[in-house]
Amino acid sequence: MVEKRKTMTMNSTIRRQGGAAVMTIPPAFLKLLDLDIGSQVELSVEAGGLIAKPVPQMVRKRYSAAELLRGAEHVAELNSETDWAREGEPVGREVI
């Protein structure tokens, strides 16, 4: 089976911004590639042409507050079990 690729072409001017050379990526191209501002692309030169390919992004798991706090109820118990370690005066080069 032959994969059909949608082709779009557009001219863009390279300009200086600060110490960098930048060019504008039209919104239609971003939409076509499912990219947003801040997305990363891999740049390469092939046969005298500049190729920009999207870098696959890792999907970061979003945690709920309940998931982040799971186990926090045991902190008081752990603190009471280690109270002995906080008793007494420094005996060496402890940072207090």
PDB file of N, CA and C in Angstrom:
ATOM      1  N   MET A   1       0.840  -1.167   0.000  1.00  0.00           N
ATOM      2  CA  MET A   1       0.000   0.000   0.000  1.00  0.00           C
ATOM      3  C   MET A   1       0.893   1.241   0.000  1.00  0.00           C
ATOM      4  N   VAL A   2       0.598   2.193  -0.832  1.00  0.00           N
ATOM      5  CA  VAL A   2       1.370   3.423  -0.957  1.00  0.00           C
ATOM      6  C   VAL A   2       0.754   4.482  -0.057  1.00  0.00           C
ATOM      7  N   GLU A   3       1.592   5.093   0.789  1.00  0.00           N
ATOM      8  CA  GLU A   3       1.123   6.131   1.691  1.00  0.00           C
ATOM      9  C   GLU A   3       1.102   7.459   0.961  1.00  0.00           C
ATOM     10  N   LYS A   4      -0.043   8.146   1.007  1.00  0.00           N
ATOM     11  CA  LYS A   4      -0.144   9.465   0.391  1.00  0.00           C
ATOM     12  C   LYS A   4       0.242  10.507   1.425  1.00  0.00           C
ATOM     13  N   ARG A   5       1.111  11.409   1.048  1.00  0.00           N
ATOM     14  CA  ARG A   5       1.532  12.479   1.934  1.00  0.00           C
ATOM     15  C   ARG A   5       0.979  13.799   1.427  1.00  0.00           C
ATOM     16  N   LYS A   6       0.445  14.569   2.337  1.00  0.00           N
ATOM     17  CA  LYS A   6      -0.047  15.893   1.983  1.00  0.00           C
ATOM     18  C   LYS A   6       1.163  16.810   1.854  1.00  0.00           C
ATOM     19  N   THR A   7       1.272  17.513   0.745  1.00  0.00           N
ATOM     20  CA  THR A   7       2.403  18.396   0.496  1.00  0.00           C
ATOM     21  C   THR A   7       1.947  19.841   0.489  1.00  0.00           C
ATOM     22  N   MET A   8       2.697  20.664   1.215  1.00  0.00           N
ATOM     23  CA  MET A   8       2.448  22.098   1.232  1.00  0.00           C
ATOM     24  C   MET A   8       3.795  22.779   1.052  1.00  0.00           C
ATOM     25  N   THR A   9       3.819  23.845   0.324  1.00  0.00           N
ATOM     26  CA  THR A   9       5.033  24.640   0.193  1.00  0.00           C
ATOM     27  C   THR A   9       4.699  26.098   0.437  1.00  0.00           C
ATOM     28  N   MET A  10       5.668  26.814   0.987  1.00  0.00           N
ATOM     29  CA  MET A  10       5.500  28.223   1.266  1.00  0.00           C
ATOM     30  C   MET A  10       6.885  28.825   1.440  1.00  0.00           C
ATOM     31  N   ASN A  11       7.065  30.044   1.050  1.00  0.00           N
ATOM     32  CA  ASN A  11       8.341  30.729   1.223  1.00  0.00           C
ATOM     33  C   ASN A  11       8.380  31.394   2.590  1.00  0.00           C
ATOM     34  N   SER A  12       9.560  31.404   3.187  1.00  0.00           N
ATOM     35  CA  SER A  12       9.774  32.069   4.460  1.00  0.00           C
ATOM     36  C   SER A  12      11.135  32.753   4.397  1.00  0.00           C
ATOM     37  N   THR A  13      11.253  33.924   4.970  1.00  0.00           N
ATOM     38  CA  THR A  13      12.493  34.684   4.936  1.00  0.00           C
ATOM     39  C   THR A  13      13.278  34.475   6.223  1.00  0.00           C
ATOM     40  N   ILE A  14      14.565  34.195   6.081  1.00  0.00           N
ATOM     41  CA  ILE A  14      15.435  34.070   7.253  1.00  0.00           C
ATOM     42  C   ILE A  14      15.826  35.476   7.692  1.00  0.00           C
ATOM     43  N   ARG A  15      15.654  35.757   8.986  1.00  0.00           N
ATOM     44  CA  ARG A  15      15.994  37.079   9.509  1.00  0.00           C
ATOM     45  C   ARG A  15      16.783  36.914  10.808  1.00  0.00           C
ATOM     46  N   ARG A  16      17.392  37.991  11.251  1.00  0.00           N
ATOM     47  CA  ARG A  16      18.173  37.968  12.478  1.00  0.00           C
ATOM     48  C   ARG A  16      17.296  38.425  13.630  1.00  0.00           C
ATOM     49  N   GLN A  17      17.400  37.689  14.732  1.00  0.00           N
ATOM     50  CA  GLN A  17      16.722  38.072  15.965  1.00  0.00           C
ATOM     51  C   GLN A  17      17.708  37.839  17.088  1.00  0.00           C
ATOM     52  N   GLY A  18      18.228  38.914  17.637  1.00  0.00           N
ATOM     53  CA  GLY A  18      19.308  38.781  18.608  1.00  0.00           C
ATOM     54  C   GLY A  18      20.521  38.226  17.893  1.00  0.00           C
ATOM     55  N   GLY A  19      21.106  37.172  18.417  1.00  0.00           N
ATOM     56  CA  GLY A  19      22.256  36.549  17.771  1.00  0.00           C
ATOM     57  C   GLY A  19      21.888  35.348  16.931  1.00  0.00           C
ATOM     58  N   ALA A  20      20.593  35.092  16.744  1.00  0.00           N
ATOM     59  CA  ALA A  20      20.156  33.892  16.033  1.00  0.00           C
ATOM     60  C   ALA A  20      19.539  34.240  14.679  1.00  0.00           C
ATOM     61  N   ALA A  21      19.578  33.277  13.776  1.00  0.00           N
ATOM     62  CA  ALA A  21      18.857  33.382  12.509  1.00  0.00           C
ATOM     63  C   ALA A  21      17.541  32.639  12.691  1.00  0.00           C
ATOM     64  N   VAL A  22      16.432  33.302  12.420  1.00  0.00           N
ATOM     65  CA  VAL A  22      15.114  32.698  12.621  1.00  0.00           C
ATOM     66  C   VAL A  22      14.274  32.809  11.357  1.00  0.00           C
ATOM     67  N   MET A  23      13.310  31.906  11.227  1.00  0.00           N
ATOM     68  CA  MET A  23      12.335  32.010  10.147  1.00  0.00           C
ATOM     69  C   MET A  23      10.977  31.648  10.718  1.00  0.00           C
ATOM     70  N   THR A  24       9.954  32.141  10.083  1.00  0.00           N
ATOM     71  CA  THR A  24       8.592  31.942  10.550  1.00  0.00           C
ATOM     72  C   THR A  24       8.041  30.625  10.014  1.00  0.00           C
ATOM     73  N   ILE A  25       7.357  29.881  10.896  1.00  0.00           N
ATOM     74  CA  ILE A  25       6.650  28.668  10.479  1.00  0.00           C
ATOM     75  C   ILE A  25       5.169  29.022  10.467  1.00  0.00           C
ATOM     76  N   PRO A  26       4.531  28.947   9.312  1.00  0.00           N
ATOM     77  CA  PRO A  26       3.117  29.311   9.220  1.00  0.00           C
ATOM     78  C   PRO A  26       2.234  28.422  10.105  1.00  0.00           C
ATOM     79  N   PRO A  27       1.174  28.983  10.685  1.00  0.00           N
ATOM     80  CA  PRO A  27       0.272  28.211  11.541  1.00  0.00           C
ATOM     81  C   PRO A  27      -0.288  26.960  10.854  1.00  0.00           C
ATOM     82  N   ALA A  28      -0.524  27.021   9.557  1.00  0.00           N
ATOM     83  CA  ALA A  28      -1.050  25.847   8.840  1.00  0.00           C
ATOM     84  C   ALA A  28      -0.062  24.684   8.896  1.00  0.00           C
ATOM     85  N   PHE A  29       1.236  24.987   8.844  1.00  0.00           N
ATOM     86  CA  PHE A  29       2.249  23.937   8.931  1.00  0.00           C
ATOM     87  C   PHE A  29       2.254  23.322  10.333  1.00  0.00           C
ATOM     88  N   LEU A  30       2.152  24.177  11.349  1.00  0.00           N
ATOM     89  CA  LEU A  30       2.116  23.662  12.722  1.00  0.00           C
ATOM     90  C   LEU A  30       0.917  22.747  12.923  1.00  0.00           C
ATOM     91  N   LYS A  31      -0.226  23.173  12.394  1.00  0.00           N
ATOM     92  CA  LYS A  31      -1.440  22.366  12.538  1.00  0.00           C
ATOM     93  C   LYS A  31      -1.295  21.040  11.796  1.00  0.00           C
ATOM     94  N   LEU A  32      -0.739  21.087  10.586  1.00  0.00           N
ATOM     95  CA  LEU A  32      -0.559  19.883   9.784  1.00  0.00           C
ATOM     96  C   LEU A  32       0.346  18.869  10.499  1.00  0.00           C
ATOM     97  N   LEU A  33       1.358  19.373  11.213  1.00  0.00           N
ATOM     98  CA  LEU A  33       2.311  18.507  11.916  1.00  0.00           C
ATOM     99  C   LEU A  33       1.926  18.261  13.368  1.00  0.00           C
ATOM    100  N   ASP A  34       0.786  18.817  13.812  1.00  0.00           N
ATOM    101  CA  ASP A  34       0.327  18.695  15.192  1.00  0.00           C
ATOM    102  C   ASP A  34       1.393  19.196  16.161  1.00  0.00           C
ATOM    103  N   LEU A  35       1.945  20.392  15.873  1.00  0.00           N
ATOM    104  CA  LEU A  35       2.968  21.019  16.712  1.00  0.00           C
ATOM    105  C   LEU A  35       2.413  22.284  17.347  1.00  0.00           C
ATOM    106  N   ASP A  36       3.017  22.686  18.439  1.00  0.00           N
ATOM    107  CA  ASP A  36       2.659  23.926  19.126  1.00  0.00           C
ATOM    108  C   ASP A  36       3.926  24.736  19.347  1.00  0.00           C
ATOM    109  N   ILE A  37       3.755  25.973  19.781  1.00  0.00           N
ATOM    110  CA  ILE A  37       4.892  26.790  20.167  1.00  0.00           C
ATOM    111  C   ILE A  37       5.624  26.047  21.282  1.00  0.00           C
ATOM    112  N   GLY A  38       6.922  25.926  21.181  1.00  0.00           N
ATOM    113  CA  GLY A  38       7.710  25.214  22.182  1.00  0.00           C
ATOM    114  C   GLY A  38       8.013  23.778  21.795  1.00  0.00           C
ATOM    115  N   SER A  39       7.359  23.259  20.743  1.00  0.00           N
ATOM    116  CA  SER A  39       7.663  21.904  20.286  1.00  0.00           C
ATOM    117  C   SER A  39       9.086  21.864  19.740  1.00  0.00           C
ATOM    118  N   GLN A  40       9.709  20.702  19.837  1.00  0.00           N
ATOM    119  CA  GLN A  40      11.059  20.547  19.317  1.00  0.00           C
ATOM    120  C   GLN A  40      11.028  19.894  17.941  1.00  0.00           C
ATOM    121  N   VAL A  41      11.951  20.330  17.072  1.00  0.00           N
ATOM    122  CA  VAL A  41      12.116  19.722  15.758  1.00  0.00           C
ATOM    123  C   VAL A  41      13.583  19.353  15.578  1.00  0.00           C
ATOM    124  N   GLU A  42      13.812  18.305  14.824  1.00  0.00           N
ATOM    125  CA  GLU A  42      15.171  17.876  14.479  1.00  0.00           C
ATOM    126  C   GLU A  42      15.501  18.470  13.119  1.00  0.00           C
ATOM    127  N   LEU A  43      16.600  19.198  13.026  1.00  0.00           N
ATOM    128  CA  LEU A  43      17.003  19.813  11.769  1.00  0.00           C
ATOM    129  C   LEU A  43      18.115  18.997  11.141  1.00  0.00           C
ATOM    130  N   SER A  44      18.013  18.788   9.824  1.00  0.00           N
ATOM    131  CA  SER A  44      19.064  18.095   9.092  1.00  0.00           C
ATOM    132  C   SER A  44      19.142  18.670   7.684  1.00  0.00           C
ATOM    133  N   VAL A  45      20.252  18.431   7.040  1.00  0.00           N
ATOM    134  CA  VAL A  45      20.442  18.866   5.654  1.00  0.00           C
ATOM    135  C   VAL A  45      20.548  17.610   4.803  1.00  0.00           C
ATOM    136  N   GLU A  46      19.674  17.508   3.813  1.00  0.00           N
ATOM    137  CA  GLU A  46      19.665  16.362   2.904  1.00  0.00           C
ATOM    138  C   GLU A  46      19.573  16.879   1.482  1.00  0.00           C
ATOM    139  N   ALA A  47      20.505  16.463   0.655  1.00  0.00           N
ATOM    140  CA  ALA A  47      20.522  16.833  -0.766  1.00  0.00           C
ATOM    141  C   ALA A  47      20.391  18.338  -0.954  1.00  0.00           C
ATOM    142  N   GLY A  48      21.069  19.098  -0.113  1.00  0.00           N
ATOM    143  CA  GLY A  48      21.051  20.554  -0.245  1.00  0.00           C
ATOM    144  C   GLY A  48      19.801  21.221   0.276  1.00  0.00           C
ATOM    145  N   GLY A  49      18.926  20.470   0.936  1.00  0.00           N
ATOM    146  CA  GLY A  49      17.690  21.040   1.484  1.00  0.00           C
ATOM    147  C   GLY A  49      17.659  20.933   2.995  1.00  0.00           C
ATOM    148  N   LEU A  50      16.977  21.858   3.637  1.00  0.00           N
ATOM    149  CA  LEU A  50      16.810  21.859   5.082  1.00  0.00           C
ATOM    150  C   LEU A  50      15.562  21.055   5.423  1.00  0.00           C
ATOM    151  N   ILE A  51      15.729  20.051   6.251  1.00  0.00           N
ATOM    152  CA  ILE A  51      14.618  19.188   6.658  1.00  0.00           C
ATOM    153  C   ILE A  51      14.378  19.403   8.156  1.00  0.00           C
ATOM    154  N   ALA A  52      13.153  19.667   8.533  1.00  0.00           N
ATOM    155  CA  ALA A  52      12.770  19.821   9.935  1.00  0.00           C
ATOM    156  C   ALA A  52      11.723  18.755  10.247  1.00  0.00           C
ATOM    157  N   LYS A  53      12.047  17.841  11.166  1.00  0.00           N
ATOM    158  CA  LYS A  53      11.127  16.766  11.542  1.00  0.00           C
ATOM    159  C   LYS A  53      10.757  16.918  13.009  1.00  0.00           C
ATOM    160  N   PRO A  54       9.482  16.728  13.344  1.00  0.00           N
ATOM    161  CA  PRO A  54       9.073  16.804  14.757  1.00  0.00           C
ATOM    162  C   PRO A  54       9.792  15.740  15.586  1.00  0.00           C
ATOM    163  N   VAL A  55      10.214  16.124  16.786  1.00  0.00           N
ATOM    164  CA  VAL A  55      10.805  15.180  17.729  1.00  0.00           C
ATOM    165  C   VAL A  55       9.660  14.614  18.559  1.00  0.00           C
ATOM    166  N   PRO A  56       9.519  13.283  18.588  1.00  0.00           N
ATOM    167  CA  PRO A  56       8.429  12.706  19.387  1.00  0.00           C
ATOM    168  C   PRO A  56       8.552  13.115  20.847  1.00  0.00           C
ATOM    169  N   GLN A  57       7.460  13.576  21.414  1.00  0.00           N
ATOM    170  CA  GLN A  57       7.447  14.027  22.802  1.00  0.00           C
ATOM    171  C   GLN A  57       6.978  12.902  23.707  1.00  0.00           C
ATOM    172  N   MET A  58       7.655  12.764  24.847  1.00  0.00           N
ATOM    173  CA  MET A  58       7.207  11.797  25.846  1.00  0.00           C
ATOM    174  C   MET A  58       5.942  12.343  26.491  1.00  0.00           C
ATOM    175  N   VAL A  59       4.985  11.487  26.679  1.00  0.00           N
ATOM    176  CA  VAL A  59       3.754  11.894  27.337  1.00  0.00           C
ATOM    177  C   VAL A  59       3.995  11.825  28.841  1.00  0.00           C
ATOM    178  N   ARG A  60       3.848  12.963  29.501  1.00  0.00           N
ATOM    179  CA  ARG A  60       4.066  13.010  30.936  1.00  0.00           C
ATOM    180  C   ARG A  60       2.758  12.715  31.650  1.00  0.00           C
ATOM    181  N   LYS A  61       2.821  11.806  32.622  1.00  0.00           N
ATOM    182  CA  LYS A  61       1.634  11.474  33.394  1.00  0.00           C
ATOM    183  C   LYS A  61       1.267  12.643  34.282  1.00  0.00           C
ATOM    184  N   ARG A  62       0.007  12.974  34.307  1.00  0.00           N
ATOM    185  CA  ARG A  62      -0.508  14.028  35.175  1.00  0.00           C
ATOM    186  C   ARG A  62      -1.074  13.351  36.420  1.00  0.00           C
ATOM    187  N   TYR A  63      -0.656  13.797  37.592  1.00  0.00           N
ATOM    188  CA  TYR A  63      -1.115  13.218  38.845  1.00  0.00           C
ATOM    189  C   TYR A  63      -2.146  14.131  39.497  1.00  0.00           C
ATOM    190  N   SER A  64      -3.138  13.523  40.113  1.00  0.00           N
ATOM    191  CA  SER A  64      -4.121  14.297  40.873  1.00  0.00           C
ATOM    192  C   SER A  64      -3.531  14.613  42.244  1.00  0.00           C
ATOM    193  N   ALA A  65      -4.137  15.554  42.943  1.00  0.00           N
ATOM    194  CA  ALA A  65      -3.673  15.897  44.289  1.00  0.00           C
ATOM    195  C   ALA A  65      -3.757  14.675  45.200  1.00  0.00           C
ATOM    196  N   ALA A  66      -4.809  13.886  45.051  1.00  0.00           N
ATOM    197  CA  ALA A  66      -4.965  12.686  45.881  1.00  0.00           C
ATOM    198  C   ALA A  66      -3.828  11.699  45.634  1.00  0.00           C
ATOM    199  N   GLU A  67      -3.432  11.535  44.376  1.00  0.00           N
ATOM    200  CA  GLU A  67      -2.323  10.628  44.065  1.00  0.00           C
ATOM    201  C   GLU A  67      -1.006  11.142  44.638  1.00  0.00           C
ATOM    202  N   LEU A  68      -0.790  12.461  44.561  1.00  0.00           N
ATOM    203  CA  LEU A  68       0.444  13.038  45.081  1.00  0.00           C
ATOM    204  C   LEU A  68       0.526  12.937  46.600  1.00  0.00           C
ATOM    205  N   LEU A  69      -0.611  12.993  47.263  1.00  0.00           N
ATOM    206  CA  LEU A  69      -0.634  12.950  48.722  1.00  0.00           C
ATOM    207  C   LEU A  69      -0.784  11.541  49.281  1.00  0.00           C
ATOM    208  N   ARG A  70      -0.917  10.535  48.403  1.00  0.00           N
ATOM    209  CA  ARG A  70      -1.076   9.165  48.870  1.00  0.00           C
ATOM    210  C   ARG A  70       0.143   8.786  49.714  1.00  0.00           C
ATOM    211  N   GLY A  71      -0.101   8.294  50.898  1.00  0.00           N
ATOM    212  CA  GLY A  71       0.980   7.899  51.800  1.00  0.00           C
ATOM    213  C   GLY A  71       1.378   8.990  52.766  1.00  0.00           C
ATOM    214  N   ALA A  72       0.916  10.223  52.552  1.00  0.00           N
ATOM    215  CA  ALA A  72       1.295  11.331  53.434  1.00  0.00           C
ATOM    216  C   ALA A  72       0.773  11.134  54.845  1.00  0.00           C
ATOM    217  N   GLU A  73      -0.294  10.361  54.991  1.00  0.00           N
ATOM    218  CA  GLU A  73      -0.848  10.142  56.326  1.00  0.00           C
ATOM    219  C   GLU A  73       0.124   9.364  57.213  1.00  0.00           C
ATOM    220  N   HIS A  74       1.112   8.716  56.635  1.00  0.00           N
ATOM    221  CA  HIS A  74       2.090   7.944  57.407  1.00  0.00           C
ATOM    222  C   HIS A  74       3.276   8.788  57.861  1.00  0.00           C
ATOM    223  N   VAL A  75       3.348  10.033  57.419  1.00  0.00           N
ATOM    224  CA  VAL A  75       4.482  10.890  57.771  1.00  0.00           C
ATOM    225  C   VAL A  75       4.530  11.137  59.269  1.00  0.00           C
ATOM    226  N   ALA A  76       3.383  11.394  59.898  1.00  0.00           N
ATOM    227  CA  ALA A  76       3.359  11.631  61.345  1.00  0.00           C
ATOM    228  C   ALA A  76       3.858  10.395  62.083  1.00  0.00           C
ATOM    229  N   GLU A  77       3.454   9.227  61.627  1.00  0.00           N
ATOM    230  CA  GLU A  77       3.903   7.974  62.250  1.00  0.00           C
ATOM    231  C   GLU A  77       5.419   7.814  62.107  1.00  0.00           C
ATOM    232  N   LEU A  78       5.950   8.104  60.913  1.00  0.00           N
ATOM    233  CA  LEU A  78       7.391   8.005  60.695  1.00  0.00           C
ATOM    234  C   LEU A  78       8.155   9.008  61.560  1.00  0.00           C
ATOM    235  N   ASN A  79       7.606  10.222  61.688  1.00  0.00           N
ATOM    236  CA  ASN A  79       8.253  11.227  62.530  1.00  0.00           C
ATOM    237  C   ASN A  79       8.303  10.777  63.981  1.00  0.00           C
ATOM    238  N   SER A  80       7.221  10.189  64.472  1.00  0.00           N
ATOM    239  CA  SER A  80       7.210   9.739  65.870  1.00  0.00           C
ATOM    240  C   SER A  80       8.189   8.576  66.076  1.00  0.00           C
ATOM    241  N   GLU A  81       8.371   7.743  65.080  1.00  0.00           N
ATOM    242  CA  GLU A  81       9.312   6.616  65.183  1.00  0.00           C
ATOM    243  C   GLU A  81      10.767   7.069  65.176  1.00  0.00           C
ATOM    244  N   THR A  82      11.019   8.269  64.643  1.00  0.00           N
ATOM    245  CA  THR A  82      12.406   8.738  64.557  1.00  0.00           C
ATOM    246  C   THR A  82      12.675   9.924  65.476  1.00  0.00           C
ATOM    247  N   ASP A  83      11.772  10.179  66.436  1.00  0.00           N
ATOM    248  CA  ASP A  83      11.972  11.268  67.397  1.00  0.00           C
ATOM    249  C   ASP A  83      13.292  11.122  68.136  1.00  0.00           C
ATOM    250  N   TRP A  84      13.665   9.895  68.465  1.00  0.00           N
ATOM    251  CA  TRP A  84      14.900   9.644  69.210  1.00  0.00           C
ATOM    252  C   TRP A  84      16.120  10.240  68.506  1.00  0.00           C
ATOM    253  N   ALA A  85      16.090  10.295  67.171  1.00  0.00           N
ATOM    254  CA  ALA A  85      17.242  10.787  66.423  1.00  0.00           C
ATOM    255  C   ALA A  85      17.385  12.300  66.521  1.00  0.00           C
ATOM    256  N   ARG A  86      16.319  12.981  66.960  1.00  0.00           N
ATOM    257  CA  ARG A  86      16.363  14.438  67.063  1.00  0.00           C
ATOM    258  C   ARG A  86      16.573  14.905  68.495  1.00  0.00           C
ATOM    259  N   GLU A  87      16.789  13.980  69.410  1.00  0.00           N
ATOM    260  CA  GLU A  87      16.999  14.329  70.811  1.00  0.00           C
ATOM    261  C   GLU A  87      18.480  14.517  71.094  1.00  0.00           C
ATOM    262  N   GLY A  88      18.785  15.327  72.079  1.00  0.00           N
ATOM    263  CA  GLY A  88      20.166  15.489  72.518  1.00  0.00           C
ATOM    264  C   GLY A  88      20.884  16.606  71.797  1.00  0.00           C
ATOM    265  N   GLU A  89      22.124  16.846  72.218  1.00  0.00           N
ATOM    266  CA  GLU A  89      22.968  17.902  71.671  1.00  0.00           C
ATOM    267  C   GLU A  89      23.844  17.347  70.561  1.00  0.00           C
ATOM    268  N   PRO A  90      24.354  18.212  69.679  1.00  0.00           N
ATOM    269  CA  PRO A  90      25.291  17.762  68.656  1.00  0.00           C
ATOM    270  C   PRO A  90      26.519  17.140  69.298  1.00  0.00           C
ATOM    271  N   VAL A  91      27.045  16.087  68.689  1.00  0.00           N
ATOM    272  CA  VAL A  91      28.220  15.409  69.254  1.00  0.00           C
ATOM    273  C   VAL A  91      29.426  15.455  68.300  1.00  0.00           C
ATOM    274  N   GLY A  92      29.233  15.984  67.152  1.00  0.00           N
ATOM    275  CA  GLY A  92      30.330  16.023  66.179  1.00  0.00           C
ATOM    276  C   GLY A  92      30.209  17.254  65.312  1.00  0.00           C
ATOM    277  N   ARG A  93      30.228  17.047  64.014  1.00  0.00           N
ATOM    278  CA  ARG A  93      30.175  18.162  63.068  1.00  0.00           C
ATOM    279  C   ARG A  93      28.817  18.250  62.373  1.00  0.00           C
ATOM    280  N   GLU A  94      27.743  17.950  63.111  1.00  0.00           N
ATOM    281  CA  GLU A  94      26.401  17.998  62.552  1.00  0.00           C
ATOM    282  C   GLU A  94      26.044  19.422  62.150  1.00  0.00           C
ATOM    283  N   VAL A  95      25.245  19.514  61.144  1.00  0.00           N
ATOM    284  CA  VAL A  95      24.722  20.812  60.735  1.00  0.00           C
ATOM    285  C   VAL A  95      23.394  20.991  61.433  1.00  0.00           C
ATOM    286  N   ILE A  96      23.264  22.116  62.158  1.00  0.00           N
ATOM    287  CA  ILE A  96      22.005  22.321  62.900  1.00  0.00           C
ATOM    288  C   ILE A  96      21.330  23.582  62.426  1.00  0.00           C
TER     289      ILE A  96
END
